[in-house]
Amino acid sequence: MSATLDPNFLPRHAVHAWVDERNVYIAIPMKGKAPFIDRYPLTATGLGEALAKMRNYHTAAPAPPVYTLPARTLPIERRSGPLSTDARLALAQGILKRLMVTPR
């Protein structure tokens, strides 16, 4: 499995907001560019404008990754007929040995 490190910790589709003592800042991601950062005063009106701007920003979120089941590594052994208790025990011990699990 290989992965790459994204230097940006924000998702590409998310609006980021932060505040200081006087202002509310929002960063709206732009396609192929640096995010657009806008400033609003830290008042009821400013907060309302910032929320309206964030609410009006729409982008498609990336699709979730598709999980595929790994291939079976152990073959399925089919047995015909009833097995005695000793044969079942030997079969179970063989399976555990192949799985590298030791019984207690």
N, C-alpha and C. Protein backbone atom coordinates (compact mmCIF):
# COMPACT_ATOMS: atom_id res chain seq x y z
N MET A 1 0.84 -1.17 0.00
CA MET A 1 0.00 0.00 0.00
C MET A 1 0.89 1.23 0.00
N SER A 2 0.64 2.15 -0.88
CA SER A 2 1.44 3.36 -0.92
C SER A 2 0.54 4.55 -0.63
N ALA A 3 1.12 5.59 -0.07
CA ALA A 3 0.36 6.78 0.26
C ALA A 3 1.24 8.00 0.05
N THR A 4 0.61 9.13 -0.14
CA THR A 4 1.35 10.38 -0.26
C THR A 4 0.87 11.32 0.83
N LEU A 5 1.77 12.15 1.31
CA LEU A 5 1.46 13.09 2.37
C LEU A 5 0.98 14.39 1.75
N ASP A 6 -0.19 14.84 2.16
CA ASP A 6 -0.73 16.11 1.69
C ASP A 6 -0.24 17.19 2.64
N PRO A 7 0.50 18.20 2.15
CA PRO A 7 1.00 19.23 3.05
C PRO A 7 -0.12 20.12 3.60
N ASN A 8 -1.27 20.13 2.97
CA ASN A 8 -2.39 20.93 3.43
C ASN A 8 -3.27 20.06 4.31
N PHE A 9 -3.48 20.46 5.55
CA PHE A 9 -4.26 19.63 6.46
C PHE A 9 -5.76 19.82 6.29
N LEU A 10 -6.19 20.79 5.48
CA LEU A 10 -7.61 21.01 5.26
C LEU A 10 -8.10 20.20 4.07
N PRO A 11 -9.31 19.66 4.14
CA PRO A 11 -9.86 19.00 2.96
C PRO A 11 -10.05 20.02 1.84
N ARG A 12 -9.93 19.58 0.61
CA ARG A 12 -10.02 20.48 -0.53
C ARG A 12 -11.42 21.05 -0.73
N HIS A 13 -12.44 20.43 -0.14
CA HIS A 13 -13.82 20.85 -0.34
C HIS A 13 -14.39 21.61 0.85
N ALA A 14 -13.60 21.84 1.91
CA ALA A 14 -14.12 22.42 3.14
C ALA A 14 -13.83 23.92 3.22
N VAL A 15 -14.75 24.65 3.83
CA VAL A 15 -14.55 26.06 4.13
C VAL A 15 -13.98 26.12 5.54
N HIS A 16 -12.91 26.88 5.72
CA HIS A 16 -12.24 26.98 7.01
C HIS A 16 -12.52 28.35 7.60
N ALA A 17 -12.80 28.41 8.91
CA ALA A 17 -13.10 29.68 9.57
C ALA A 17 -12.31 29.79 10.86
N TRP A 18 -11.91 31.01 11.23
CA TRP A 18 -11.24 31.26 12.49
C TRP A 18 -11.53 32.69 12.91
N VAL A 19 -11.27 33.00 14.18
CA VAL A 19 -11.57 34.33 14.73
C VAL A 19 -10.35 34.86 15.47
N ASP A 20 -10.29 36.18 15.59
CA ASP A 20 -9.37 36.82 16.52
C ASP A 20 -10.20 37.76 17.39
N GLU A 21 -9.60 38.74 18.03
CA GLU A 21 -10.35 39.61 18.94
C GLU A 21 -11.36 40.49 18.21
N ARG A 22 -11.15 40.79 16.94
CA ARG A 22 -12.00 41.74 16.24
C ARG A 22 -12.75 41.18 15.03
N ASN A 23 -12.24 40.14 14.40
CA ASN A 23 -12.77 39.72 13.11
C ASN A 23 -12.99 38.21 13.04
N VAL A 24 -13.83 37.83 12.10
CA VAL A 24 -14.04 36.44 11.71
C VAL A 24 -13.47 36.30 10.31
N TYR A 25 -12.65 35.29 10.09
CA TYR A 25 -12.05 35.05 8.79
C TYR A 25 -12.58 33.73 8.24
N ILE A 26 -12.86 33.70 6.96
CA ILE A 26 -13.22 32.45 6.31
C ILE A 26 -12.34 32.27 5.09
N ALA A 27 -11.90 31.05 4.88
CA ALA A 27 -11.06 30.71 3.73
C ALA A 27 -11.87 29.77 2.84
N ILE A 28 -12.17 30.22 1.64
CA ILE A 28 -12.94 29.42 0.68
C ILE A 28 -11.97 28.83 -0.32
N PRO A 29 -11.92 27.52 -0.47
CA PRO A 29 -10.99 26.92 -1.42
C PRO A 29 -11.32 27.31 -2.86
N MET A 30 -10.28 27.57 -3.63
CA MET A 30 -10.42 27.90 -5.05
C MET A 30 -9.75 26.80 -5.85
N LYS A 31 -10.32 26.44 -6.98
CA LYS A 31 -9.79 25.36 -7.79
C LYS A 31 -8.46 25.77 -8.41
N GLY A 32 -7.38 25.10 -8.04
CA GLY A 32 -6.06 25.34 -8.61
C GLY A 32 -5.38 26.60 -8.12
N LYS A 33 -5.92 27.28 -7.11
CA LYS A 33 -5.35 28.52 -6.60
C LYS A 33 -5.30 28.47 -5.08
N ALA A 34 -4.71 29.51 -4.51
CA ALA A 34 -4.73 29.67 -3.05
C ALA A 34 -6.15 29.98 -2.62
N PRO A 35 -6.54 29.63 -1.40
CA PRO A 35 -7.91 29.89 -0.96
C PRO A 35 -8.21 31.40 -0.87
N PHE A 36 -9.46 31.76 -1.10
CA PHE A 36 -9.92 33.13 -0.97
C PHE A 36 -10.25 33.37 0.49
N ILE A 37 -9.58 34.34 1.13
CA ILE A 37 -9.79 34.63 2.54
C ILE A 37 -10.54 35.95 2.64
N ASP A 38 -11.65 35.92 3.36
CA ASP A 38 -12.48 37.10 3.54
C ASP A 38 -12.59 37.39 5.03
N ARG A 39 -12.74 38.69 5.39
CA ARG A 39 -12.79 39.10 6.79
C ARG A 39 -14.14 39.76 7.06
N TYR A 40 -14.72 39.42 8.21
CA TYR A 40 -15.98 40.02 8.65
C TYR A 40 -15.81 40.46 10.09
N PRO A 41 -16.49 41.56 10.48
CA PRO A 41 -16.36 42.01 11.87
C PRO A 41 -17.01 41.01 12.84
N LEU A 42 -16.48 40.97 14.03
CA LEU A 42 -16.97 40.05 15.05
C LEU A 42 -18.19 40.66 15.75
N THR A 43 -19.25 40.80 14.99
CA THR A 43 -20.53 41.30 15.49
C THR A 43 -21.61 40.35 15.00
N ALA A 44 -22.83 40.59 15.43
CA ALA A 44 -23.93 39.74 14.98
C ALA A 44 -24.12 39.85 13.48
N THR A 45 -24.00 41.06 12.94
CA THR A 45 -24.14 41.25 11.50
C THR A 45 -23.00 40.57 10.74
N GLY A 46 -21.77 40.74 11.23
CA GLY A 46 -20.61 40.13 10.58
C GLY A 46 -20.68 38.62 10.60
N LEU A 47 -21.09 38.06 11.75
CA LEU A 47 -21.23 36.61 11.84
C LEU A 47 -22.31 36.10 10.90
N GLY A 48 -23.41 36.84 10.79
CA GLY A 48 -24.47 36.45 9.86
C GLY A 48 -23.99 36.47 8.42
N GLU A 49 -23.22 37.49 8.06
CA GLU A 49 -22.69 37.56 6.69
C GLU A 49 -21.72 36.41 6.42
N ALA A 50 -20.86 36.12 7.40
CA ALA A 50 -19.90 35.03 7.23
C ALA A 50 -20.62 33.69 7.07
N LEU A 51 -21.65 33.46 7.90
CA LEU A 51 -22.40 32.21 7.78
C LEU A 51 -23.15 32.13 6.46
N ALA A 52 -23.70 33.25 6.00
CA ALA A 52 -24.38 33.26 4.71
C ALA A 52 -23.40 32.95 3.58
N LYS A 53 -22.19 33.48 3.67
CA LYS A 53 -21.18 33.20 2.64
C LYS A 53 -20.80 31.72 2.65
N MET A 54 -20.63 31.16 3.85
CA MET A 54 -20.28 29.74 3.93
C MET A 54 -21.44 28.86 3.47
N ARG A 55 -22.68 29.27 3.76
CA ARG A 55 -23.85 28.49 3.36
C ARG A 55 -24.01 28.50 1.84
N ASN A 56 -23.65 29.59 1.20
CA ASN A 56 -23.80 29.70 -0.25
C ASN A 56 -22.67 29.03 -1.02
N TYR A 57 -21.61 28.64 -0.32
CA TYR A 57 -20.50 27.95 -0.99
C TYR A 57 -20.87 26.48 -1.14
N HIS A 58 -20.95 26.00 -2.37
CA HIS A 58 -21.28 24.60 -2.63
C HIS A 58 -20.21 24.00 -3.52
N THR A 59 -19.75 22.84 -3.15
CA THR A 59 -18.83 22.08 -3.98
C THR A 59 -19.08 20.60 -3.71
N ALA A 60 -18.69 19.83 -4.65
CA ALA A 60 -18.89 18.38 -4.50
C ALA A 60 -17.80 17.81 -3.59
N ALA A 61 -18.22 17.10 -2.57
CA ALA A 61 -17.26 16.41 -1.70
C ALA A 61 -16.73 15.20 -2.45
N PRO A 62 -15.47 14.84 -2.20
CA PRO A 62 -14.94 13.68 -2.90
C PRO A 62 -15.69 12.41 -2.51
N ALA A 63 -15.74 11.50 -3.44
CA ALA A 63 -16.41 10.23 -3.19
C ALA A 63 -15.62 9.42 -2.16
N PRO A 64 -16.30 8.68 -1.31
CA PRO A 64 -15.57 7.86 -0.34
C PRO A 64 -14.81 6.75 -1.07
N PRO A 65 -13.70 6.32 -0.50
CA PRO A 65 -12.94 5.27 -1.16
C PRO A 65 -13.73 3.96 -1.23
N VAL A 66 -13.52 3.23 -2.28
CA VAL A 66 -14.22 1.96 -2.48
C VAL A 66 -13.37 0.85 -1.87
N TYR A 67 -13.97 0.09 -0.98
CA TYR A 67 -13.26 -1.00 -0.33
C TYR A 67 -13.53 -2.28 -1.09
N THR A 68 -12.48 -2.97 -1.43
CA THR A 68 -12.63 -4.27 -2.08
C THR A 68 -12.07 -5.34 -1.14
N LEU A 69 -12.74 -6.46 -1.10
CA LEU A 69 -12.30 -7.54 -0.23
C LEU A 69 -11.02 -8.15 -0.77
N PRO A 70 -10.08 -8.49 0.11
CA PRO A 70 -8.86 -9.14 -0.36
C PRO A 70 -9.15 -10.55 -0.87
N ALA A 71 -8.29 -11.03 -1.72
CA ALA A 71 -8.46 -12.38 -2.26
C ALA A 71 -8.24 -13.41 -1.17
N ARG A 72 -8.92 -14.54 -1.30
CA ARG A 72 -8.72 -15.62 -0.33
C ARG A 72 -7.33 -16.20 -0.50
N THR A 73 -6.66 -16.39 0.61
CA THR A 73 -5.31 -16.94 0.54
C THR A 73 -5.27 -18.44 0.80
N LEU A 74 -6.26 -18.95 1.55
CA LEU A 74 -6.26 -20.37 1.85
C LEU A 74 -7.33 -21.07 1.01
N PRO A 75 -6.99 -22.21 0.40
CA PRO A 75 -8.00 -22.92 -0.38
C PRO A 75 -9.03 -23.56 0.55
N ILE A 76 -10.23 -23.70 0.04
CA ILE A 76 -11.29 -24.35 0.81
C ILE A 76 -11.23 -25.85 0.51
N GLU A 77 -11.10 -26.63 1.57
CA GLU A 77 -11.05 -28.07 1.40
C GLU A 77 -12.44 -28.64 1.64
N ARG A 78 -12.92 -29.37 0.68
CA ARG A 78 -14.25 -29.98 0.79
C ARG A 78 -14.06 -31.47 1.12
N ARG A 79 -14.74 -31.91 2.12
CA ARG A 79 -14.68 -33.33 2.51
C ARG A 79 -16.08 -33.93 2.35
N SER A 80 -16.10 -35.15 1.97
CA SER A 80 -17.40 -35.82 1.84
C SER A 80 -17.50 -36.88 2.92
N GLY A 81 -18.72 -37.09 3.39
CA GLY A 81 -18.94 -38.12 4.38
C GLY A 81 -18.71 -37.61 5.79
N PRO A 82 -19.22 -38.35 6.76
CA PRO A 82 -19.05 -37.94 8.16
C PRO A 82 -17.60 -38.15 8.61
N LEU A 83 -17.16 -37.29 9.48
CA LEU A 83 -15.81 -37.40 10.03
C LEU A 83 -15.89 -37.87 11.47
N SER A 84 -14.94 -38.70 11.85
CA SER A 84 -14.90 -39.13 13.24
C SER A 84 -14.33 -37.98 14.08
N THR A 85 -14.41 -38.11 15.38
CA THR A 85 -13.92 -37.07 16.27
C THR A 85 -12.43 -36.87 16.09
N ASP A 86 -11.67 -37.96 15.93
CA ASP A 86 -10.22 -37.85 15.74
C ASP A 86 -9.90 -37.17 14.41
N ALA A 87 -10.66 -37.48 13.37
CA ALA A 87 -10.41 -36.85 12.07
C ALA A 87 -10.75 -35.36 12.13
N ARG A 88 -11.82 -34.99 12.83
CA ARG A 88 -12.17 -33.58 12.97
C ARG A 88 -11.09 -32.83 13.74
N LEU A 89 -10.57 -33.44 14.79
CA LEU A 89 -9.51 -32.82 15.58
C LEU A 89 -8.25 -32.64 14.73
N ALA A 90 -7.89 -33.63 13.95
CA ALA A 90 -6.71 -33.52 13.09
C ALA A 90 -6.92 -32.44 12.02
N LEU A 91 -8.13 -32.36 11.47
CA LEU A 91 -8.43 -31.35 10.48
C LEU A 91 -8.33 -29.95 11.08
N ALA A 92 -8.90 -29.77 12.28
CA ALA A 92 -8.85 -28.47 12.95
C ALA A 92 -7.42 -28.08 13.28
N GLN A 93 -6.61 -29.04 13.74
CA GLN A 93 -5.21 -28.74 14.05
C GLN A 93 -4.43 -28.39 12.78
N GLY A 94 -4.72 -29.03 11.67
CA GLY A 94 -4.07 -28.69 10.41
C GLY A 94 -4.40 -27.28 9.95
N ILE A 95 -5.68 -26.90 10.11
CA ILE A 95 -6.08 -25.54 9.74
C ILE A 95 -5.39 -24.51 10.62
N LEU A 96 -5.36 -24.77 11.93
CA LEU A 96 -4.71 -23.84 12.84
C LEU A 96 -3.22 -23.74 12.56
N LYS A 97 -2.59 -24.85 12.20
CA LYS A 97 -1.17 -24.83 11.87
C LYS A 97 -0.91 -23.98 10.63
N ARG A 98 -1.78 -24.10 9.61
CA ARG A 98 -1.61 -23.30 8.38
C ARG A 98 -1.83 -21.82 8.66
N LEU A 99 -2.74 -21.51 9.59
CA LEU A 99 -3.00 -20.12 9.96
C LEU A 99 -1.97 -19.60 10.95
N MET A 100 -1.06 -20.46 11.36
CA MET A 100 -0.01 -20.14 12.33
C MET A 100 -0.60 -19.70 13.67
N VAL A 101 -1.68 -20.36 14.06
CA VAL A 101 -2.31 -20.15 15.37
C VAL A 101 -2.10 -21.44 16.14
N THR A 102 -1.52 -21.34 17.32
CA THR A 102 -1.27 -22.55 18.10
C THR A 102 -2.36 -22.70 19.14
N PRO A 103 -2.97 -23.88 19.22
CA PRO A 103 -4.00 -24.09 20.25
C PRO A 103 -3.37 -24.19 21.63
N ARG A 104 -4.13 -23.83 22.64
CA ARG A 104 -3.61 -23.87 24.03
C ARG A 104 -3.75 -25.23 24.62
